[in-house]
Amino acid sequence: MFKKYLNKEQALKRLQNLCSKSEKSRADIEKKLYQWGVNKSDIEFVIKSLESDNFINDVRYAEIYVREKLNLNKWGRIKIKYMLIQKGIKESVINNELNKISEERYKNILEQLLIKKHKSLINIDIAKQKQKLLSYASSRGFESGKVFDIVVKIIDNKES
C-alpha cells in the first residue's frame, strides 16, 4: 500500500486542527509526525510553530491531565506520574502539578473509592478484605501509607 507523506505545511495545518480539539503533549505530536512520514528536519519546525502559537503546552497538558485522571478516573499520584512520564512530560512539571492537589480532596477521593470497594467484599474475612483493599488502591496508583490508614479506618468502623 502506498503511504502518503505530508510536508511540514500540511502537517502543521492538520496538527493545529487536532490540537484545537483536544490537548496534546509534545510527545504525542512527535509520534503523529513520525506516523505521517514528515521529514525529521521538518518535525522540529512544526513543533516549534505549535508551541509558539500555544497549540501545545506541556505544562497546560499536565495540569489538565492531573485534574482529569484524579477527578474522573480516580487515579492516585503514582499512576498519574507514571503515565505522564510515559507521555514525555518533564518530571519537574509533573511534580509541580501533583503538588497542587489538595491533600484533603485527595484523601476524600481515596476514602470514597475504598468505601465503595469495601461494600463489594462480602463474606470475606477481615485480613482478606484489608489485602484486597490495599491491592485495589495500589493498582490505582495511591500511596500505600495513605491507603493503609484509610483501610484501617474503614475496617475498624465496620467492626464497631
N, C-alpha and C. Protein backbone atom coordinates (compact mmCIF):
# COMPACT_ATOMS: atom_id res chain seq x y z
N MET A 1 0.84 -1.19 0.00
CA MET A 1 0.00 0.00 0.00
C MET A 1 0.88 1.24 0.00
N PHE A 2 0.50 2.22 -0.78
CA PHE A 2 1.24 3.47 -0.89
C PHE A 2 0.97 4.34 0.33
N LYS A 3 2.04 4.83 0.93
CA LYS A 3 1.91 5.70 2.09
C LYS A 3 2.18 7.13 1.66
N LYS A 4 1.22 8.00 1.95
CA LYS A 4 1.36 9.40 1.58
C LYS A 4 2.14 10.14 2.67
N TYR A 5 3.15 10.84 2.28
CA TYR A 5 3.95 11.61 3.21
C TYR A 5 3.49 13.07 3.19
N LEU A 6 3.43 13.67 4.35
CA LEU A 6 3.00 15.06 4.45
C LEU A 6 4.21 15.98 4.50
N ASN A 7 4.07 17.15 3.90
CA ASN A 7 5.12 18.15 4.06
C ASN A 7 4.83 18.93 5.34
N LYS A 8 5.74 19.82 5.72
CA LYS A 8 5.60 20.49 7.01
C LYS A 8 4.38 21.40 7.09
N GLU A 9 4.00 22.03 5.98
CA GLU A 9 2.82 22.91 5.99
C GLU A 9 1.54 22.11 6.17
N GLN A 10 1.43 20.99 5.47
CA GLN A 10 0.25 20.12 5.61
C GLN A 10 0.15 19.57 7.03
N ALA A 11 1.28 19.11 7.55
CA ALA A 11 1.31 18.55 8.90
C ALA A 11 0.94 19.61 9.93
N LEU A 12 1.47 20.81 9.76
CA LEU A 12 1.18 21.89 10.69
C LEU A 12 -0.31 22.22 10.70
N LYS A 13 -0.89 22.29 9.54
CA LYS A 13 -2.32 22.62 9.42
C LYS A 13 -3.17 21.52 10.09
N ARG A 14 -2.85 20.27 9.83
CA ARG A 14 -3.59 19.15 10.44
C ARG A 14 -3.46 19.16 11.97
N LEU A 15 -2.24 19.42 12.43
CA LEU A 15 -2.00 19.40 13.87
C LEU A 15 -2.63 20.59 14.58
N GLN A 16 -2.68 21.74 13.93
CA GLN A 16 -3.37 22.88 14.52
C GLN A 16 -4.85 22.54 14.71
N ASN A 17 -5.42 21.89 13.74
CA ASN A 17 -6.82 21.46 13.82
C ASN A 17 -7.00 20.44 14.95
N LEU A 18 -6.11 19.46 15.00
CA LEU A 18 -6.17 18.42 16.02
C LEU A 18 -6.00 19.01 17.42
N CYS A 19 -5.04 19.89 17.58
CA CYS A 19 -4.76 20.48 18.90
C CYS A 19 -5.84 21.46 19.35
N SER A 20 -6.58 22.00 18.41
CA SER A 20 -7.67 22.91 18.80
C SER A 20 -8.86 22.13 19.35
N LYS A 21 -8.88 20.82 19.09
CA LYS A 21 -9.99 19.98 19.57
C LYS A 21 -9.69 19.32 20.91
N SER A 22 -8.42 18.98 21.16
CA SER A 22 -8.05 18.34 22.43
C SER A 22 -6.58 18.61 22.73
N GLU A 23 -6.27 18.56 24.03
CA GLU A 23 -4.90 18.79 24.47
C GLU A 23 -4.00 17.65 24.02
N LYS A 24 -2.83 18.00 23.55
CA LYS A 24 -1.82 17.03 23.15
C LYS A 24 -0.48 17.43 23.77
N SER A 25 0.31 16.43 24.10
CA SER A 25 1.66 16.71 24.59
C SER A 25 2.61 16.79 23.40
N ARG A 26 3.79 17.32 23.67
CA ARG A 26 4.83 17.39 22.63
C ARG A 26 5.13 15.98 22.09
N ALA A 27 5.20 15.00 22.99
CA ALA A 27 5.49 13.63 22.59
C ALA A 27 4.38 13.06 21.70
N ASP A 28 3.13 13.40 21.99
CA ASP A 28 2.01 12.96 21.15
C ASP A 28 2.17 13.50 19.73
N ILE A 29 2.57 14.76 19.64
CA ILE A 29 2.73 15.41 18.34
C ILE A 29 3.90 14.79 17.56
N GLU A 30 5.01 14.56 18.25
CA GLU A 30 6.16 13.93 17.59
C GLU A 30 5.79 12.57 17.01
N LYS A 31 5.06 11.80 17.81
CA LYS A 31 4.63 10.46 17.36
C LYS A 31 3.77 10.57 16.10
N LYS A 32 2.83 11.52 16.11
CA LYS A 32 1.96 11.72 14.95
C LYS A 32 2.78 12.10 13.72
N LEU A 33 3.73 12.99 13.90
CA LEU A 33 4.56 13.44 12.76
C LEU A 33 5.35 12.28 12.16
N TYR A 34 5.89 11.44 13.01
CA TYR A 34 6.62 10.26 12.51
C TYR A 34 5.67 9.31 11.77
N GLN A 35 4.47 9.13 12.30
CA GLN A 35 3.48 8.27 11.64
C GLN A 35 3.11 8.81 10.26
N TRP A 36 3.05 10.12 10.14
CA TRP A 36 2.68 10.74 8.88
C TRP A 36 3.84 10.83 7.89
N GLY A 37 5.01 10.41 8.32
CA GLY A 37 6.17 10.41 7.43
C GLY A 37 6.76 11.78 7.18
N VAL A 38 6.58 12.71 8.10
CA VAL A 38 7.16 14.05 7.95
C VAL A 38 8.69 13.93 8.11
N ASN A 39 9.41 14.65 7.27
CA ASN A 39 10.87 14.63 7.34
C ASN A 39 11.34 15.04 8.73
N LYS A 40 12.39 14.36 9.18
CA LYS A 40 12.93 14.66 10.52
C LYS A 40 13.33 16.12 10.66
N SER A 41 13.84 16.68 9.60
CA SER A 41 14.26 18.09 9.64
C SER A 41 13.07 19.05 9.80
N ASP A 42 11.89 18.61 9.36
CA ASP A 42 10.69 19.46 9.45
C ASP A 42 9.94 19.28 10.77
N ILE A 43 10.19 18.19 11.45
CA ILE A 43 9.46 17.90 12.70
C ILE A 43 9.69 19.01 13.73
N GLU A 44 10.92 19.42 13.91
CA GLU A 44 11.23 20.46 14.90
C GLU A 44 10.57 21.78 14.53
N PHE A 45 10.54 22.10 13.23
CA PHE A 45 9.88 23.32 12.77
C PHE A 45 8.40 23.29 13.14
N VAL A 46 7.72 22.17 12.88
CA VAL A 46 6.29 22.04 13.16
C VAL A 46 6.04 22.17 14.66
N ILE A 47 6.84 21.48 15.46
CA ILE A 47 6.66 21.51 16.91
C ILE A 47 6.89 22.92 17.46
N LYS A 48 7.94 23.57 17.01
CA LYS A 48 8.22 24.94 17.47
C LYS A 48 7.08 25.88 17.09
N SER A 49 6.53 25.70 15.89
CA SER A 49 5.40 26.54 15.46
C SER A 49 4.18 26.32 16.35
N LEU A 50 3.91 25.07 16.65
CA LEU A 50 2.75 24.75 17.51
C LEU A 50 2.96 25.30 18.93
N GLU A 51 4.19 25.21 19.43
CA GLU A 51 4.48 25.73 20.77
C GLU A 51 4.38 27.26 20.80
N SER A 52 4.94 27.91 19.79
CA SER A 52 4.93 29.38 19.79
C SER A 52 3.51 29.94 19.63
N ASP A 53 2.65 29.20 18.95
CA ASP A 53 1.25 29.62 18.79
C ASP A 53 0.36 29.07 19.91
N ASN A 54 0.98 28.44 20.88
CA ASN A 54 0.31 27.89 22.08
C ASN A 54 -0.71 26.80 21.77
N PHE A 55 -0.49 26.08 20.69
CA PHE A 55 -1.34 24.91 20.40
C PHE A 55 -0.95 23.75 21.30
N ILE A 56 0.34 23.64 21.60
CA ILE A 56 0.79 22.63 22.56
C ILE A 56 1.58 23.32 23.67
N ASN A 57 1.35 22.82 24.87
CA ASN A 57 2.00 23.37 26.05
C ASN A 57 1.99 22.25 27.09
N ASP A 58 3.16 21.68 27.36
CA ASP A 58 3.24 20.53 28.26
C ASP A 58 2.83 20.85 29.69
N VAL A 59 3.00 22.07 30.13
CA VAL A 59 2.56 22.45 31.48
C VAL A 59 1.03 22.43 31.54
N ARG A 60 0.40 23.02 30.55
CA ARG A 60 -1.07 23.03 30.48
C ARG A 60 -1.59 21.60 30.33
N TYR A 61 -0.92 20.82 29.51
CA TYR A 61 -1.31 19.43 29.30
C TYR A 61 -1.27 18.66 30.62
N ALA A 62 -0.18 18.81 31.37
CA ALA A 62 -0.02 18.11 32.65
C ALA A 62 -1.08 18.56 33.65
N GLU A 63 -1.36 19.84 33.68
CA GLU A 63 -2.38 20.37 34.60
C GLU A 63 -3.75 19.73 34.33
N ILE A 64 -4.13 19.70 33.09
CA ILE A 64 -5.43 19.13 32.71
C ILE A 64 -5.44 17.62 32.95
N TYR A 65 -4.36 16.96 32.60
CA TYR A 65 -4.25 15.50 32.76
C TYR A 65 -4.39 15.11 34.23
N VAL A 66 -3.67 15.81 35.11
CA VAL A 66 -3.73 15.51 36.54
C VAL A 66 -5.15 15.69 37.05
N ARG A 67 -5.76 16.80 36.71
CA ARG A 67 -7.13 17.08 37.18
C ARG A 67 -8.12 16.02 36.69
N GLU A 68 -8.06 15.68 35.40
CA GLU A 68 -8.99 14.70 34.84
C GLU A 68 -8.79 13.30 35.42
N LYS A 69 -7.55 12.86 35.51
CA LYS A 69 -7.29 11.49 35.98
C LYS A 69 -7.62 11.34 37.46
N LEU A 70 -7.43 12.38 38.24
CA LEU A 70 -7.79 12.32 39.65
C LEU A 70 -9.30 12.35 39.82
N ASN A 71 -9.96 13.31 39.21
CA ASN A 71 -11.38 13.52 39.43
C ASN A 71 -12.28 12.53 38.68
N LEU A 72 -11.92 12.19 37.46
CA LEU A 72 -12.78 11.32 36.65
C LEU A 72 -12.40 9.84 36.78
N ASN A 73 -11.11 9.54 36.70
CA ASN A 73 -10.66 8.15 36.73
C ASN A 73 -10.34 7.66 38.13
N LYS A 74 -10.23 8.59 39.07
CA LYS A 74 -9.90 8.25 40.46
C LYS A 74 -8.54 7.56 40.56
N TRP A 75 -7.55 8.13 39.87
CA TRP A 75 -6.19 7.62 39.92
C TRP A 75 -5.42 8.35 41.01
N GLY A 76 -4.44 7.66 41.59
CA GLY A 76 -3.56 8.26 42.57
C GLY A 76 -2.36 8.91 41.92
N ARG A 77 -1.58 9.60 42.76
CA ARG A 77 -0.42 10.34 42.27
C ARG A 77 0.60 9.45 41.56
N ILE A 78 0.81 8.25 42.07
CA ILE A 78 1.83 7.37 41.48
C ILE A 78 1.48 7.01 40.04
N LYS A 79 0.25 6.62 39.80
CA LYS A 79 -0.17 6.23 38.45
C LYS A 79 -0.18 7.44 37.52
N ILE A 80 -0.66 8.57 38.01
CA ILE A 80 -0.69 9.78 37.19
C ILE A 80 0.74 10.16 36.78
N LYS A 81 1.65 10.13 37.74
CA LYS A 81 3.04 10.48 37.45
C LYS A 81 3.64 9.52 36.41
N TYR A 82 3.42 8.24 36.62
CA TYR A 82 3.95 7.24 35.70
C TYR A 82 3.43 7.48 34.27
N MET A 83 2.13 7.73 34.16
CA MET A 83 1.55 7.92 32.83
C MET A 83 2.05 9.21 32.17
N LEU A 84 2.24 10.26 32.95
CA LEU A 84 2.77 11.49 32.38
C LEU A 84 4.22 11.34 31.94
N ILE A 85 4.99 10.56 32.69
CA ILE A 85 6.37 10.27 32.27
C ILE A 85 6.34 9.54 30.93
N GLN A 86 5.40 8.60 30.79
CA GLN A 86 5.25 7.87 29.52
C GLN A 86 4.89 8.83 28.37
N LYS A 87 4.20 9.92 28.70
CA LYS A 87 3.82 10.91 27.69
C LYS A 87 4.94 11.90 27.38
N GLY A 88 6.09 11.73 28.05
CA GLY A 88 7.24 12.58 27.77
C GLY A 88 7.23 13.91 28.49
N ILE A 89 6.44 14.04 29.55
CA ILE A 89 6.38 15.29 30.30
C ILE A 89 7.54 15.30 31.31
N LYS A 90 8.18 16.44 31.46
CA LYS A 90 9.32 16.58 32.38
C LYS A 90 8.86 16.33 33.82
N GLU A 91 9.73 15.66 34.57
CA GLU A 91 9.39 15.30 35.95
C GLU A 91 9.15 16.53 36.81
N SER A 92 9.86 17.61 36.58
CA SER A 92 9.65 18.83 37.37
C SER A 92 8.25 19.39 37.13
N VAL A 93 7.77 19.33 35.91
CA VAL A 93 6.42 19.79 35.57
C VAL A 93 5.39 18.89 36.25
N ILE A 94 5.62 17.59 36.18
CA ILE A 94 4.71 16.62 36.79
C ILE A 94 4.61 16.87 38.30
N ASN A 95 5.76 16.95 38.95
CA ASN A 95 5.77 17.14 40.40
C ASN A 95 5.08 18.44 40.80
N ASN A 96 5.29 19.48 40.03
CA ASN A 96 4.65 20.76 40.31
C ASN A 96 3.12 20.63 40.25
N GLU A 97 2.63 19.94 39.25
CA GLU A 97 1.17 19.78 39.10
C GLU A 97 0.61 18.85 40.17
N LEU A 98 1.33 17.79 40.50
CA LEU A 98 0.86 16.87 41.55
C LEU A 98 0.83 17.54 42.91
N ASN A 99 1.75 18.47 43.15
CA ASN A 99 1.78 19.20 44.42
C ASN A 99 0.61 20.16 44.58
N LYS A 100 -0.06 20.48 43.48
CA LYS A 100 -1.22 21.37 43.54
C LYS A 100 -2.48 20.65 44.03
N ILE A 101 -2.44 19.32 44.08
CA ILE A 101 -3.62 18.56 44.53
C ILE A 101 -3.84 18.81 46.02
N SER A 102 -5.04 19.18 46.36
CA SER A 102 -5.40 19.37 47.77
C SER A 102 -5.34 18.03 48.49
N GLU A 103 -4.61 17.99 49.59
CA GLU A 103 -4.45 16.74 50.35
C GLU A 103 -5.80 16.25 50.87
N GLU A 104 -6.64 17.18 51.28
CA GLU A 104 -7.97 16.82 51.79
C GLU A 104 -8.82 16.18 50.68
N ARG A 105 -8.81 16.80 49.53
CA ARG A 105 -9.57 16.27 48.38
C ARG A 105 -9.04 14.89 47.97
N TYR A 106 -7.72 14.76 47.95
CA TYR A 106 -7.07 13.51 47.56
C TYR A 106 -7.48 12.37 48.50
N LYS A 107 -7.40 12.63 49.80
CA LYS A 107 -7.78 11.61 50.77
C LYS A 107 -9.27 11.28 50.68
N ASN A 108 -10.09 12.29 50.40
CA ASN A 108 -11.52 12.07 50.27
C ASN A 108 -11.83 11.16 49.08
N ILE A 109 -11.18 11.41 47.97
CA ILE A 109 -11.37 10.56 46.77
C ILE A 109 -10.95 9.13 47.08
N LEU A 110 -9.81 8.97 47.71
CA LEU A 110 -9.32 7.64 48.07
C LEU A 110 -10.29 6.95 49.02
N GLU A 111 -10.75 7.66 50.02
CA GLU A 111 -11.66 7.07 51.00
C GLU A 111 -12.97 6.62 50.35
N GLN A 112 -13.55 7.47 49.50
CA GLN A 112 -14.80 7.11 48.81
C GLN A 112 -14.60 5.89 47.91
N LEU A 113 -13.47 5.84 47.25
CA LEU A 113 -13.12 4.71 46.39
C LEU A 113 -13.05 3.41 47.20
N LEU A 114 -12.39 3.48 48.35
CA LEU A 114 -12.22 2.30 49.20
C LEU A 114 -13.53 1.88 49.87
N ILE A 115 -14.34 2.83 50.27
CA ILE A 115 -15.65 2.51 50.86
C ILE A 115 -16.50 1.77 49.85
N LYS A 116 -16.52 2.26 48.62
CA LYS A 116 -17.31 1.62 47.56
C LYS A 116 -16.80 0.20 47.31
N LYS A 117 -15.49 0.03 47.23
CA LYS A 117 -14.91 -1.30 47.00
C LYS A 117 -15.20 -2.22 48.19
N HIS A 118 -15.12 -1.68 49.40
CA HIS A 118 -15.34 -2.49 50.60
C HIS A 118 -16.75 -3.08 50.64
N LYS A 119 -17.72 -2.31 50.13
CA LYS A 119 -19.11 -2.79 50.10
C LYS A 119 -19.26 -4.03 49.23
N SER A 120 -18.37 -4.20 48.27
CA SER A 120 -18.45 -5.37 47.38
C SER A 120 -17.77 -6.60 47.98
N LEU A 121 -17.08 -6.42 49.08
CA LEU A 121 -16.34 -7.52 49.70
C LEU A 121 -17.18 -8.13 50.83
N ILE A 122 -18.06 -9.02 50.45
CA ILE A 122 -18.92 -9.67 51.44
C ILE A 122 -18.47 -11.11 51.67
N ASN A 123 -18.71 -11.58 52.87
CA ASN A 123 -18.35 -12.95 53.26
C ASN A 123 -16.85 -13.25 53.09
N ILE A 124 -16.05 -12.25 53.38
CA ILE A 124 -14.60 -12.42 53.30
C ILE A 124 -14.03 -11.99 54.66
N ASP A 125 -13.07 -12.77 55.16
CA ASP A 125 -12.52 -12.42 56.47
C ASP A 125 -11.77 -11.08 56.41
N ILE A 126 -11.59 -10.46 57.56
CA ILE A 126 -11.04 -9.11 57.66
C ILE A 126 -9.64 -8.99 57.04
N ALA A 127 -8.79 -9.97 57.29
CA ALA A 127 -7.43 -9.92 56.73
C ALA A 127 -7.48 -9.89 55.20
N LYS A 128 -8.35 -10.70 54.61
CA LYS A 128 -8.51 -10.74 53.14
C LYS A 128 -9.08 -9.42 52.63
N GLN A 129 -10.02 -8.83 53.39
CA GLN A 129 -10.60 -7.55 53.00
C GLN A 129 -9.51 -6.48 52.94
N LYS A 130 -8.69 -6.43 53.98
CA LYS A 130 -7.60 -5.45 54.01
C LYS A 130 -6.66 -5.64 52.82
N GLN A 131 -6.32 -6.90 52.57
CA GLN A 131 -5.41 -7.21 51.46
C GLN A 131 -6.02 -6.77 50.12
N LYS A 132 -7.28 -7.07 49.92
CA LYS A 132 -7.94 -6.71 48.66
C LYS A 132 -8.05 -5.19 48.49
N LEU A 133 -8.36 -4.49 49.58
CA LEU A 133 -8.47 -3.03 49.52
C LEU A 133 -7.10 -2.39 49.24
N LEU A 134 -6.08 -2.89 49.92
CA LEU A 134 -4.72 -2.37 49.68
C LEU A 134 -4.29 -2.60 48.24
N SER A 135 -4.55 -3.79 47.75
CA SER A 135 -4.18 -4.14 46.38
C SER A 135 -4.94 -3.27 45.37
N TYR A 136 -6.23 -3.09 45.61
CA TYR A 136 -7.09 -2.30 44.72
C TYR A 136 -6.58 -0.85 44.62
N ALA A 137 -6.34 -0.24 45.77
CA ALA A 137 -5.90 1.16 45.78
C ALA A 137 -4.49 1.30 45.20
N SER A 138 -3.64 0.34 45.45
CA SER A 138 -2.29 0.38 44.88
C SER A 138 -2.34 0.30 43.36
N SER A 139 -3.23 -0.53 42.84
CA SER A 139 -3.35 -0.67 41.39
C SER A 139 -3.86 0.62 40.73
N ARG A 140 -4.51 1.46 41.52
CA ARG A 140 -5.00 2.75 41.02
C ARG A 140 -3.98 3.86 41.26
N GLY A 141 -2.82 3.51 41.84
CA GLY A 141 -1.74 4.47 41.96
C GLY A 141 -1.72 5.29 43.23
N PHE A 142 -2.38 4.83 44.28
CA PHE A 142 -2.35 5.55 45.54
C PHE A 142 -1.20 5.04 46.41
N GLU A 143 -0.65 5.92 47.22
CA GLU A 143 0.48 5.61 48.09
C GLU A 143 0.05 4.67 49.20
N SER A 144 0.84 3.65 49.45
CA SER A 144 0.47 2.59 50.40
C SER A 144 0.24 3.12 51.82
N GLY A 145 0.99 4.10 52.27
CA GLY A 145 0.79 4.65 53.61
C GLY A 145 -0.58 5.27 53.79
N LYS A 146 -0.98 6.08 52.81
CA LYS A 146 -2.30 6.71 52.86
C LYS A 146 -3.40 5.64 52.77
N VAL A 147 -3.19 4.67 51.90
CA VAL A 147 -4.17 3.59 51.72
C VAL A 147 -4.34 2.82 53.02
N PHE A 148 -3.24 2.44 53.64
CA PHE A 148 -3.30 1.63 54.85
C PHE A 148 -4.08 2.35 55.95
N ASP A 149 -3.81 3.64 56.14
CA ASP A 149 -4.51 4.42 57.18
C ASP A 149 -6.02 4.41 56.95
N ILE A 150 -6.44 4.59 55.72
CA ILE A 150 -7.87 4.65 55.41
C ILE A 150 -8.49 3.26 55.49
N VAL A 151 -7.78 2.23 55.06
CA VAL A 151 -8.29 0.85 55.16
C VAL A 151 -8.54 0.50 56.61
N VAL A 152 -7.59 0.80 57.47
CA VAL A 152 -7.76 0.51 58.90
C VAL A 152 -8.99 1.24 59.45
N LYS A 153 -9.15 2.50 59.06
CA LYS A 153 -10.30 3.31 59.49
C LYS A 153 -11.61 2.68 59.03
N ILE A 154 -11.67 2.25 57.78
CA ILE A 154 -12.90 1.64 57.24
C ILE A 154 -13.21 0.33 57.94
N ILE A 155 -12.23 -0.51 58.08
CA ILE A 155 -12.43 -1.83 58.70
C ILE A 155 -12.82 -1.66 60.17
N ASP A 156 -12.14 -0.76 60.88
CA ASP A 156 -12.45 -0.54 62.30
C ASP A 156 -13.86 0.00 62.48
N ASN A 157 -14.32 0.90 61.60
CA ASN A 157 -15.67 1.43 61.68
C ASN A 157 -16.70 0.34 61.43
N LYS A 158 -16.40 -0.56 60.54
CA LYS A 158 -17.31 -1.65 60.20
C LYS A 158 -17.46 -2.62 61.38
N GLU A 159 -16.34 -2.86 62.08
CA GLU A 159 -16.35 -3.80 63.20
C GLU A 159 -17.09 -3.24 64.40
N SER A 160 -17.09 -1.91 64.55
CA SER A 160 -17.70 -1.27 65.72
C SER A 160 -19.20 -1.33 65.70
